[in-house]
Amino acid sequence: MKSLLLAATTLWRREIVRFYRQPNRVIGAAGTPLLFWLLLGSGVGRSFQGESNQGYSLYVLPGMVVLVLLFTAIFSTISIIEDRKEGFLQSVLVAPVPRPVVVFGKVLGGASLAILQALVLIALAPLAGGRFQPWALPQLLGILIVLGLGLTSLGFFIAWRMQSIQGFHAVMNLFLMPLWVLSGALFPAQGAASWLRFLIAINPLSYSLAAVRRLLLVDPGPGVPSLAAGWAVSLGFALLAFGAASLVARGHTRGDLL
């Protein structure tokens, strides 16, 4: 058990050190959602009339928090492709360590970075008029941890089979960005077309976003799924994504990655 913990924490620490040695990743992962938030809040805020009587900057804040998690998952799992090209991944796979431990170490590193950046954005909530209850902070941190692990595991699952960073970006932009847009991050589901409401209803990210919205905002707005539903779907999504990442890693031999 001690050796397994050492292997996971070593991979986790490597992801942390690598991230902060590349300032462009810090700017890209945290700066882009912040820029979106400022531009959307300032540009659309005057024309937005939410049923909950809140400004648009406040409405999209939970979506920007989720976007930080999503962007960091994208950037952190790119390292899998880089590690394969550099030969580091092959060295890890020949070590006497179970594949799920390798997956957990990589995923935990990316999720930790995502959560730290999301907390920075949450600290800026009062600038948009946000007021959240102190009792909600432990649950908010918990849902961020679960969602961060789930999104990073999903990024790991996709990156493991990719041979180029360009192909990885194409798949992520085609798959994960629509997943975020169709979560109700930018517009309420009530005012959308029926087919869009259906896609939002079956999107697991919609329920995670709903949990963040309920914990972050005093007035989450009408039609938001319950906190219990948000927790249940988020946990299920994280477990399914981690299981898929572990299976895809277990199903490849060292020779498959050369």
C-alpha atoms as a PDB file:
ATOM      1  CA  MET A   1       0.000   0.000   0.000  1.00  0.00           C
ATOM      2  CA  LYS A   2       2.850   2.373   0.828  1.00  0.00           C
ATOM      3  CA  SER A   3       4.489   1.786  -2.560  1.00  0.00           C
ATOM      4  CA  LEU A   4       1.191   2.339  -4.372  1.00  0.00           C
ATOM      5  CA  LEU A   5       0.616   5.596  -2.497  1.00  0.00           C
ATOM      6  CA  LEU A   6       4.159   6.698  -3.317  1.00  0.00           C
ATOM      7  CA  ALA A   7       3.621   6.013  -7.028  1.00  0.00           C
ATOM      8  CA  ALA A   8       0.353   7.970  -7.126  1.00  0.00           C
ATOM      9  CA  THR A   9       1.700  10.941  -5.172  1.00  0.00           C
ATOM     10  CA  THR A  10       4.841  11.057  -7.333  1.00  0.00           C
ATOM     11  CA  LEU A  11       2.761  11.341 -10.498  1.00  0.00           C
ATOM     12  CA  TRP A  12       0.526  13.902  -8.783  1.00  0.00           C
ATOM     13  CA  ARG A  13       3.525  16.025  -7.745  1.00  0.00           C
ATOM     14  CA  ARG A  14       4.989  15.830 -11.248  1.00  0.00           C
ATOM     15  CA  GLU A  15       1.785  17.244 -12.728  1.00  0.00           C
ATOM     16  CA  ILE A  16       1.793  20.130 -10.226  1.00  0.00           C
ATOM     17  CA  VAL A  17       5.456  21.023 -10.853  1.00  0.00           C
ATOM     18  CA  ARG A  18       5.089  20.755 -14.623  1.00  0.00           C
ATOM     19  CA  PHE A  19       2.046  23.027 -14.600  1.00  0.00           C
ATOM     20  CA  TYR A  20       3.652  25.882 -12.698  1.00  0.00           C
ATOM     21  CA  ARG A  21       6.815  25.661 -14.781  1.00  0.00           C
ATOM     22  CA  GLN A  22       4.693  26.482 -17.833  1.00  0.00           C
ATOM     23  CA  PRO A  23       3.102  29.912 -17.220  1.00  0.00           C
ATOM     24  CA  ASN A  24       1.266  29.765 -20.545  1.00  0.00           C
ATOM     25  CA  ARG A  25      -0.808  26.874 -19.202  1.00  0.00           C
ATOM     26  CA  VAL A  26      -1.739  28.893 -16.121  1.00  0.00           C
ATOM     27  CA  ILE A  27      -2.825  31.809 -18.306  1.00  0.00           C
ATOM     28  CA  GLY A  28      -4.712  29.607 -20.756  1.00  0.00           C
ATOM     29  CA  ALA A  29      -6.554  27.525 -18.177  1.00  0.00           C
ATOM     30  CA  ALA A  30      -7.532  30.359 -15.827  1.00  0.00           C
ATOM     31  CA  GLY A  31      -7.413  33.427 -18.062  1.00  0.00           C
ATOM     32  CA  THR A  32      -9.769  32.208 -20.792  1.00  0.00           C
ATOM     33  CA  PRO A  33     -12.792  31.520 -18.538  1.00  0.00           C
ATOM     34  CA  LEU A  34     -12.133  34.775 -16.668  1.00  0.00           C
ATOM     35  CA  LEU A  35     -12.051  36.677 -19.966  1.00  0.00           C
ATOM     36  CA  PHE A  36     -15.266  34.969 -21.075  1.00  0.00           C
ATOM     37  CA  TRP A  37     -16.892  35.922 -17.795  1.00  0.00           C
ATOM     38  CA  LEU A  38     -15.900  39.569 -18.068  1.00  0.00           C
ATOM     39  CA  LEU A  39     -16.881  39.885 -21.731  1.00  0.00           C
ATOM     40  CA  LEU A  40     -20.168  38.030 -21.416  1.00  0.00           C
ATOM     41  CA  GLY A  41     -21.104  39.765 -18.204  1.00  0.00           C
ATOM     42  CA  SER A  42     -20.378  43.220 -19.609  1.00  0.00           C
ATOM     43  CA  GLY A  43     -21.621  42.671 -23.157  1.00  0.00           C
ATOM     44  CA  VAL A  44     -24.733  40.586 -22.580  1.00  0.00           C
ATOM     45  CA  GLY A  45     -25.562  41.601 -19.049  1.00  0.00           C
ATOM     46  CA  ARG A  46     -27.640  44.655 -19.989  1.00  0.00           C
ATOM     47  CA  SER A  47     -29.890  42.676 -22.321  1.00  0.00           C
ATOM     48  CA  PHE A  48     -30.283  39.647 -20.051  1.00  0.00           C
ATOM     49  CA  GLN A  49     -33.413  39.489 -17.930  1.00  0.00           C
ATOM     50  CA  GLY A  50     -33.342  36.417 -15.806  1.00  0.00           C
ATOM     51  CA  GLU A  51     -36.437  35.171 -14.054  1.00  0.00           C
ATOM     52  CA  SER A  52     -34.423  35.164 -10.859  1.00  0.00           C
ATOM     53  CA  ASN A  53     -33.743  38.918 -11.068  1.00  0.00           C
ATOM     54  CA  GLN A  54     -29.997  38.451 -11.124  1.00  0.00           C
ATOM     55  CA  GLY A  55     -27.449  39.991 -13.439  1.00  0.00           C
ATOM     56  CA  TYR A  56     -25.955  37.953 -16.247  1.00  0.00           C
ATOM     57  CA  SER A  57     -22.465  38.164 -14.735  1.00  0.00           C
ATOM     58  CA  LEU A  58     -23.797  36.379 -11.688  1.00  0.00           C
ATOM     59  CA  TYR A  59     -25.833  33.915 -13.733  1.00  0.00           C
ATOM     60  CA  VAL A  60     -22.853  32.706 -15.784  1.00  0.00           C
ATOM     61  CA  LEU A  61     -20.432  32.596 -12.828  1.00  0.00           C
ATOM     62  CA  PRO A  62     -21.137  28.922 -11.960  1.00  0.00           C
ATOM     63  CA  GLY A  63     -20.673  28.063 -15.639  1.00  0.00           C
ATOM     64  CA  MET A  64     -17.308  29.812 -15.661  1.00  0.00           C
ATOM     65  CA  VAL A  65     -16.256  27.803 -12.588  1.00  0.00           C
ATOM     66  CA  VAL A  66     -17.114  24.594 -14.447  1.00  0.00           C
ATOM     67  CA  LEU A  67     -15.296  25.907 -17.527  1.00  0.00           C
ATOM     68  CA  VAL A  68     -12.134  26.373 -15.450  1.00  0.00           C
ATOM     69  CA  LEU A  69     -12.359  22.702 -14.467  1.00  0.00           C
ATOM     70  CA  LEU A  70     -12.942  21.739 -18.082  1.00  0.00           C
ATOM     71  CA  PHE A  71     -10.051  23.785 -19.480  1.00  0.00           C
ATOM     72  CA  THR A  72      -7.637  22.499 -16.864  1.00  0.00           C
ATOM     73  CA  ALA A  73      -8.685  18.923 -17.642  1.00  0.00           C
ATOM     74  CA  ILE A  74      -7.887  19.577 -21.304  1.00  0.00           C
ATOM     75  CA  PHE A  75      -4.485  21.094 -20.603  1.00  0.00           C
ATOM     76  CA  SER A  76      -3.465  18.573 -17.948  1.00  0.00           C
ATOM     77  CA  THR A  77      -4.260  15.479 -20.004  1.00  0.00           C
ATOM     78  CA  ILE A  78      -2.270  16.785 -22.970  1.00  0.00           C
ATOM     79  CA  SER A  79       0.732  15.716 -20.894  1.00  0.00           C
ATOM     80  CA  ILE A  80      -0.171  12.081 -21.600  1.00  0.00           C
ATOM     81  CA  ILE A  81       0.602  12.590 -25.289  1.00  0.00           C
ATOM     82  CA  GLU A  82       3.787  14.486 -24.420  1.00  0.00           C
ATOM     83  CA  ASP A  83       4.872  11.766 -21.975  1.00  0.00           C
ATOM     84  CA  ARG A  84       4.379   9.123 -24.652  1.00  0.00           C
ATOM     85  CA  LYS A  85       6.581  10.999 -27.130  1.00  0.00           C
ATOM     86  CA  GLU A  86       9.279  11.631 -24.512  1.00  0.00           C
ATOM     87  CA  GLY A  87       9.317   7.996 -23.379  1.00  0.00           C
ATOM     88  CA  PHE A  88       8.253   8.775 -19.805  1.00  0.00           C
ATOM     89  CA  LEU A  89       4.924   6.979 -20.118  1.00  0.00           C
ATOM     90  CA  GLN A  90       6.598   3.788 -21.317  1.00  0.00           C
ATOM     91  CA  SER A  91       8.875   3.914 -18.261  1.00  0.00           C
ATOM     92  CA  VAL A  92       5.900   4.260 -15.951  1.00  0.00           C
ATOM     93  CA  LEU A  93       4.051   1.361 -17.545  1.00  0.00           C
ATOM     94  CA  VAL A  94       6.901  -1.112 -17.022  1.00  0.00           C
ATOM     95  CA  ALA A  95       6.973  -0.295 -13.287  1.00  0.00           C
ATOM     96  CA  PRO A  96       5.312  -2.894 -10.996  1.00  0.00           C
ATOM     97  CA  VAL A  97       2.357  -0.606 -10.319  1.00  0.00           C
ATOM     98  CA  PRO A  98      -1.284  -1.345 -11.204  1.00  0.00           C
ATOM     99  CA  ARG A  99      -2.662   0.754 -14.046  1.00  0.00           C
ATOM    100  CA  PRO A 100      -5.480   2.301 -11.932  1.00  0.00           C
ATOM    101  CA  VAL A 101      -2.794   3.746  -9.622  1.00  0.00           C
ATOM    102  CA  VAL A 102      -1.091   5.381 -12.612  1.00  0.00           C
ATOM    103  CA  VAL A 103      -4.430   6.751 -13.775  1.00  0.00           C
ATOM    104  CA  PHE A 104      -5.264   8.033 -10.294  1.00  0.00           C
ATOM    105  CA  GLY A 105      -1.936   9.837  -9.936  1.00  0.00           C
ATOM    106  CA  LYS A 106      -2.298  11.597 -13.294  1.00  0.00           C
ATOM    107  CA  VAL A 107      -5.966  12.414 -12.757  1.00  0.00           C
ATOM    108  CA  LEU A 108      -5.411  13.656  -9.213  1.00  0.00           C
ATOM    109  CA  GLY A 109      -2.720  16.052 -10.413  1.00  0.00           C
ATOM    110  CA  GLY A 110      -4.956  17.586 -13.071  1.00  0.00           C
ATOM    111  CA  ALA A 111      -7.971  17.737 -10.755  1.00  0.00           C
ATOM    112  CA  SER A 112      -5.959  19.449  -8.001  1.00  0.00           C
ATOM    113  CA  LEU A 113      -4.895  22.201 -10.384  1.00  0.00           C
ATOM    114  CA  ALA A 114      -8.447  22.609 -11.639  1.00  0.00           C
ATOM    115  CA  ILE A 115      -9.884  22.932  -8.145  1.00  0.00           C
ATOM    116  CA  LEU A 116      -7.310  25.528  -7.066  1.00  0.00           C
ATOM    117  CA  GLN A 117      -8.068  27.697 -10.094  1.00  0.00           C
ATOM    118  CA  ALA A 118     -11.816  27.298  -9.634  1.00  0.00           C
ATOM    119  CA  LEU A 119     -11.492  28.473  -6.031  1.00  0.00           C
ATOM    120  CA  VAL A 120      -9.682  31.601  -7.219  1.00  0.00           C
ATOM    121  CA  LEU A 121     -12.601  32.382  -9.518  1.00  0.00           C
ATOM    122  CA  ILE A 122     -15.100  31.705  -6.728  1.00  0.00           C
ATOM    123  CA  ALA A 123     -13.237  34.210  -4.546  1.00  0.00           C
ATOM    124  CA  LEU A 124     -14.115  36.840  -7.169  1.00  0.00           C
ATOM    125  CA  ALA A 125     -17.853  36.127  -6.861  1.00  0.00           C
ATOM    126  CA  PRO A 126     -18.517  39.195  -4.628  1.00  0.00           C
ATOM    127  CA  LEU A 127     -17.387  41.400  -7.536  1.00  0.00           C
ATOM    128  CA  ALA A 128     -20.451  40.211  -9.459  1.00  0.00           C
ATOM    129  CA  GLY A 129     -22.741  40.618  -6.477  1.00  0.00           C
ATOM    130  CA  GLY A 130     -22.588  36.989  -5.434  1.00  0.00           C
ATOM    131  CA  ARG A 131     -23.405  36.053  -1.849  1.00  0.00           C
ATOM    132  CA  PHE A 132     -23.085  32.456  -0.745  1.00  0.00           C
ATOM    133  CA  GLN A 133     -23.548  30.978   2.680  1.00  0.00           C
ATOM    134  CA  PRO A 134     -20.441  29.828   4.612  1.00  0.00           C
ATOM    135  CA  TRP A 135     -22.121  26.481   5.380  1.00  0.00           C
ATOM    136  CA  ALA A 136     -22.166  25.749   1.643  1.00  0.00           C
ATOM    137  CA  LEU A 137     -18.392  25.989   1.193  1.00  0.00           C
ATOM    138  CA  PRO A 138     -17.532  22.413   2.294  1.00  0.00           C
ATOM    139  CA  GLN A 139     -20.160  20.988  -0.055  1.00  0.00           C
ATOM    140  CA  LEU A 140     -19.025  23.323  -2.842  1.00  0.00           C
ATOM    141  CA  LEU A 141     -15.452  22.121  -2.422  1.00  0.00           C
ATOM    142  CA  GLY A 142     -16.685  18.531  -2.432  1.00  0.00           C
ATOM    143  CA  ILE A 143     -18.630  18.895  -5.675  1.00  0.00           C
ATOM    144  CA  LEU A 144     -15.637  20.637  -7.285  1.00  0.00           C
ATOM    145  CA  ILE A 145     -13.400  17.712  -6.290  1.00  0.00           C
ATOM    146  CA  VAL A 146     -15.825  15.148  -7.717  1.00  0.00           C
ATOM    147  CA  LEU A 147     -16.377  17.103 -10.920  1.00  0.00           C
ATOM    148  CA  GLY A 148     -12.657  17.842 -11.333  1.00  0.00           C
ATOM    149  CA  LEU A 149     -11.822  14.148 -11.015  1.00  0.00           C
ATOM    150  CA  GLY A 150     -14.584  13.237 -13.460  1.00  0.00           C
ATOM    151  CA  LEU A 151     -13.607  15.733 -16.156  1.00  0.00           C
ATOM    152  CA  THR A 152      -9.894  14.954 -15.856  1.00  0.00           C
ATOM    153  CA  SER A 153     -10.639  11.224 -16.070  1.00  0.00           C
ATOM    154  CA  LEU A 154     -12.663  11.863 -19.205  1.00  0.00           C
ATOM    155  CA  GLY A 155      -9.766  13.861 -20.672  1.00  0.00           C
ATOM    156  CA  PHE A 156      -7.410  10.997 -19.759  1.00  0.00           C
ATOM    157  CA  PHE A 157      -9.691   8.499 -21.505  1.00  0.00           C
ATOM    158  CA  ILE A 158      -9.634  10.535 -24.717  1.00  0.00           C
ATOM    159  CA  ALA A 159      -5.932  11.462 -24.596  1.00  0.00           C
ATOM    160  CA  TRP A 160      -4.739   7.893 -24.027  1.00  0.00           C
ATOM    161  CA  ARG A 161      -5.631   6.880 -27.586  1.00  0.00           C
ATOM    162  CA  MET A 162      -4.454  10.101 -29.241  1.00  0.00           C
ATOM    163  CA  GLN A 163      -1.197  10.229 -31.203  1.00  0.00           C
ATOM    164  CA  SER A 164      -1.023  14.001 -31.734  1.00  0.00           C
ATOM    165  CA  ILE A 165      -1.857  17.098 -29.726  1.00  0.00           C
ATOM    166  CA  GLN A 166      -3.648  18.570 -32.749  1.00  0.00           C
ATOM    167  CA  GLY A 167      -5.984  15.584 -32.946  1.00  0.00           C
ATOM    168  CA  PHE A 168      -6.592  15.765 -29.218  1.00  0.00           C
ATOM    169  CA  HIS A 169      -7.604  19.428 -29.412  1.00  0.00           C
ATOM    170  CA  ALA A 170      -9.968  18.687 -32.282  1.00  0.00           C
ATOM    171  CA  VAL A 171     -11.738  15.939 -30.353  1.00  0.00           C
ATOM    172  CA  MET A 172     -11.922  17.988 -27.165  1.00  0.00           C
ATOM    173  CA  ASN A 173     -13.346  21.030 -28.946  1.00  0.00           C
ATOM    174  CA  LEU A 174     -15.869  18.872 -30.770  1.00  0.00           C
ATOM    175  CA  PHE A 175     -16.961  16.953 -27.676  1.00  0.00           C
ATOM    176  CA  LEU A 176     -16.275  18.759 -24.413  1.00  0.00           C
ATOM    177  CA  MET A 177     -17.121  22.338 -25.359  1.00  0.00           C
ATOM    178  CA  PRO A 178     -20.640  21.398 -26.592  1.00  0.00           C
ATOM    179  CA  LEU A 179     -20.971  19.354 -23.386  1.00  0.00           C
ATOM    180  CA  TRP A 180     -20.367  22.565 -21.423  1.00  0.00           C
ATOM    181  CA  VAL A 181     -22.564  24.801 -23.594  1.00  0.00           C
ATOM    182  CA  LEU A 182     -25.449  22.307 -23.329  1.00  0.00           C
ATOM    183  CA  SER A 183     -25.278  22.284 -19.546  1.00  0.00           C
ATOM    184  CA  GLY A 184     -27.232  25.518 -19.100  1.00  0.00           C
ATOM    185  CA  ALA A 185     -24.078  27.486 -18.397  1.00  0.00           C
ATOM    186  CA  LEU A 186     -24.923  30.314 -20.806  1.00  0.00           C
ATOM    187  CA  PHE A 187     -28.723  30.276 -20.940  1.00  0.00           C
ATOM    188  CA  PRO A 188     -31.606  28.849 -18.892  1.00  0.00           C
ATOM    189  CA  ALA A 189     -33.095  25.629 -20.188  1.00  0.00           C
ATOM    190  CA  GLN A 190     -36.634  26.994 -19.812  1.00  0.00           C
ATOM    191  CA  GLY A 191     -36.266  29.406 -22.717  1.00  0.00           C
ATOM    192  CA  ALA A 192     -34.582  26.947 -25.091  1.00  0.00           C
ATOM    193  CA  ALA A 193     -36.134  24.875 -27.878  1.00  0.00           C
ATOM    194  CA  SER A 194     -37.564  21.505 -26.898  1.00  0.00           C
ATOM    195  CA  TRP A 195     -34.726  19.524 -28.496  1.00  0.00           C
ATOM    196  CA  LEU A 196     -32.183  21.660 -26.640  1.00  0.00           C
ATOM    197  CA  ARG A 197     -34.017  21.105 -23.352  1.00  0.00           C
ATOM    198  CA  PHE A 198     -33.822  17.367 -23.996  1.00  0.00           C
ATOM    199  CA  LEU A 199     -30.057  17.513 -24.591  1.00  0.00           C
ATOM    200  CA  ILE A 200     -29.585  19.604 -21.455  1.00  0.00           C
ATOM    201  CA  ALA A 201     -31.689  17.138 -19.438  1.00  0.00           C
ATOM    202  CA  ILE A 202     -29.567  14.118 -20.463  1.00  0.00           C
ATOM    203  CA  ASN A 203     -26.255  15.953 -20.081  1.00  0.00           C
ATOM    204  CA  PRO A 204     -24.544  14.884 -16.818  1.00  0.00           C
ATOM    205  CA  LEU A 205     -22.703  18.189 -16.674  1.00  0.00           C
ATOM    206  CA  SER A 206     -26.067  19.969 -16.324  1.00  0.00           C
ATOM    207  CA  TYR A 207     -26.576  18.387 -12.908  1.00  0.00           C
ATOM    208  CA  SER A 208     -23.045  19.130 -11.731  1.00  0.00           C
ATOM    209  CA  LEU A 209     -23.514  22.739 -12.804  1.00  0.00           C
ATOM    210  CA  ALA A 210     -26.855  22.822 -10.990  1.00  0.00           C
ATOM    211  CA  ALA A 211     -25.152  21.693  -7.772  1.00  0.00           C
ATOM    212  CA  VAL A 212     -22.490  24.400  -8.146  1.00  0.00           C
ATOM    213  CA  ARG A 213     -25.210  26.972  -8.858  1.00  0.00           C
ATOM    214  CA  ARG A 214     -27.232  26.012  -5.782  1.00  0.00           C
ATOM    215  CA  LEU A 215     -24.188  26.116  -3.512  1.00  0.00           C
ATOM    216  CA  LEU A 216     -22.628  29.253  -4.974  1.00  0.00           C
ATOM    217  CA  LEU A 217     -25.689  31.473  -5.392  1.00  0.00           C
ATOM    218  CA  VAL A 218     -28.346  32.395  -2.873  1.00  0.00           C
ATOM    219  CA  ASP A 219     -30.887  32.506  -5.717  1.00  0.00           C
ATOM    220  CA  PRO A 220     -30.082  29.696  -8.200  1.00  0.00           C
ATOM    221  CA  GLY A 221     -33.080  30.529 -10.397  1.00  0.00           C
ATOM    222  CA  PRO A 222     -36.128  28.458 -11.402  1.00  0.00           C
ATOM    223  CA  GLY A 223     -36.029  24.976 -12.860  1.00  0.00           C
ATOM    224  CA  VAL A 224     -32.580  24.084 -11.480  1.00  0.00           C
ATOM    225  CA  PRO A 225     -32.198  20.378 -10.564  1.00  0.00           C
ATOM    226  CA  SER A 226     -31.963  19.581  -6.869  1.00  0.00           C
ATOM    227  CA  LEU A 227     -28.690  19.419  -4.958  1.00  0.00           C
ATOM    228  CA  ALA A 228     -29.246  15.710  -4.310  1.00  0.00           C
ATOM    229  CA  ALA A 229     -29.603  15.048  -8.034  1.00  0.00           C
ATOM    230  CA  GLY A 230     -26.450  17.082  -8.680  1.00  0.00           C
ATOM    231  CA  TRP A 231     -24.451  15.018  -6.198  1.00  0.00           C
ATOM    232  CA  ALA A 232     -25.793  11.685  -7.459  1.00  0.00           C
ATOM    233  CA  VAL A 233     -25.120  12.383 -11.141  1.00  0.00           C
ATOM    234  CA  SER A 234     -21.702  13.958 -10.436  1.00  0.00           C
ATOM    235  CA  LEU A 235     -20.554  10.951  -8.409  1.00  0.00           C
ATOM    236  CA  GLY A 236     -21.844   8.559 -11.037  1.00  0.00           C
ATOM    237  CA  PHE A 237     -20.144  10.512 -13.815  1.00  0.00           C
ATOM    238  CA  ALA A 238     -16.812  10.630 -11.944  1.00  0.00           C
ATOM    239  CA  LEU A 239     -16.858   6.895 -11.189  1.00  0.00           C
ATOM    240  CA  LEU A 240     -17.815   6.010 -14.756  1.00  0.00           C
ATOM    241  CA  ALA A 241     -15.150   8.294 -16.253  1.00  0.00           C
ATOM    242  CA  PHE A 242     -12.430   6.984 -13.913  1.00  0.00           C
ATOM    243  CA  GLY A 243     -13.454   3.406 -14.630  1.00  0.00           C
ATOM    244  CA  ALA A 244     -13.287   4.052 -18.377  1.00  0.00           C
ATOM    245  CA  ALA A 245      -9.849   5.674 -18.029  1.00  0.00           C
ATOM    246  CA  SER A 246      -8.578   2.724 -15.980  1.00  0.00           C
ATOM    247  CA  LEU A 247      -9.941   0.213 -18.483  1.00  0.00           C
ATOM    248  CA  VAL A 248      -8.417   1.932 -21.499  1.00  0.00           C
ATOM    249  CA  ALA A 249      -5.063   2.172 -19.713  1.00  0.00           C
ATOM    250  CA  ARG A 250      -5.212  -1.462 -18.639  1.00  0.00           C
ATOM    251  CA  GLY A 251      -6.082  -2.594 -22.152  1.00  0.00           C
ATOM    252  CA  HIS A 252      -2.875  -1.201 -23.741  1.00  0.00           C
ATOM    253  CA  THR A 253       0.502  -2.827 -23.429  1.00  0.00           C
ATOM    254  CA  ARG A 254       3.795  -0.990 -23.480  1.00  0.00           C
ATOM    255  CA  GLY A 255       4.237  -1.855 -27.164  1.00  0.00           C
ATOM    256  CA  ASP A 256       0.927  -0.264 -28.084  1.00  0.00           C
ATOM    257  CA  LEU A 257       2.221   3.114 -26.877  1.00  0.00           C
ATOM    258  CA  LEU A 258       5.480   3.151 -28.829  1.00  0.00           C
END
